[in-house]
């Protein structure tokens, strides 16, 4: 059962867990490229890159595959937003595969109600301070 750190209303963390290990207990793999988060106006017009409300720094996003085999259907891929002045660098690929083992420093998880098709449901917004290569595995691997 995941017990991620949940952001409080001031944008800080309530400190309930070590968030990366809690949310990605078996690790995380970045796929695709780093992309700027698009800012949209109320009338649906694109307004450039979105900025973090607290720091004012640009927001970037990456697609992430959760390595947990017990992740529920539809929860195996998430988007993590990264607050960074410059475009974050992708970690190296793993053994020539298109998967990049990653570690997200300062990961926070904010629950929200997602409405749209069908019943409203709880969804999660993931945000990190930094993306790094995952630490090397120790032992027999």
Foldseek 3Di string as FASTA:
>chain_A
DADAFAADPVRHTPPPDPHQCRVQVPFKWWADDKAFDWDADPVGDTDGGDADPPPRATKIKTKMARPDPPDDPPRRIDIEIEGDNDGADFADDDPPDRIFTKTFAAKHKHWDWDDDPDDIDIDIYIYGHHIDGDDDDDDPD
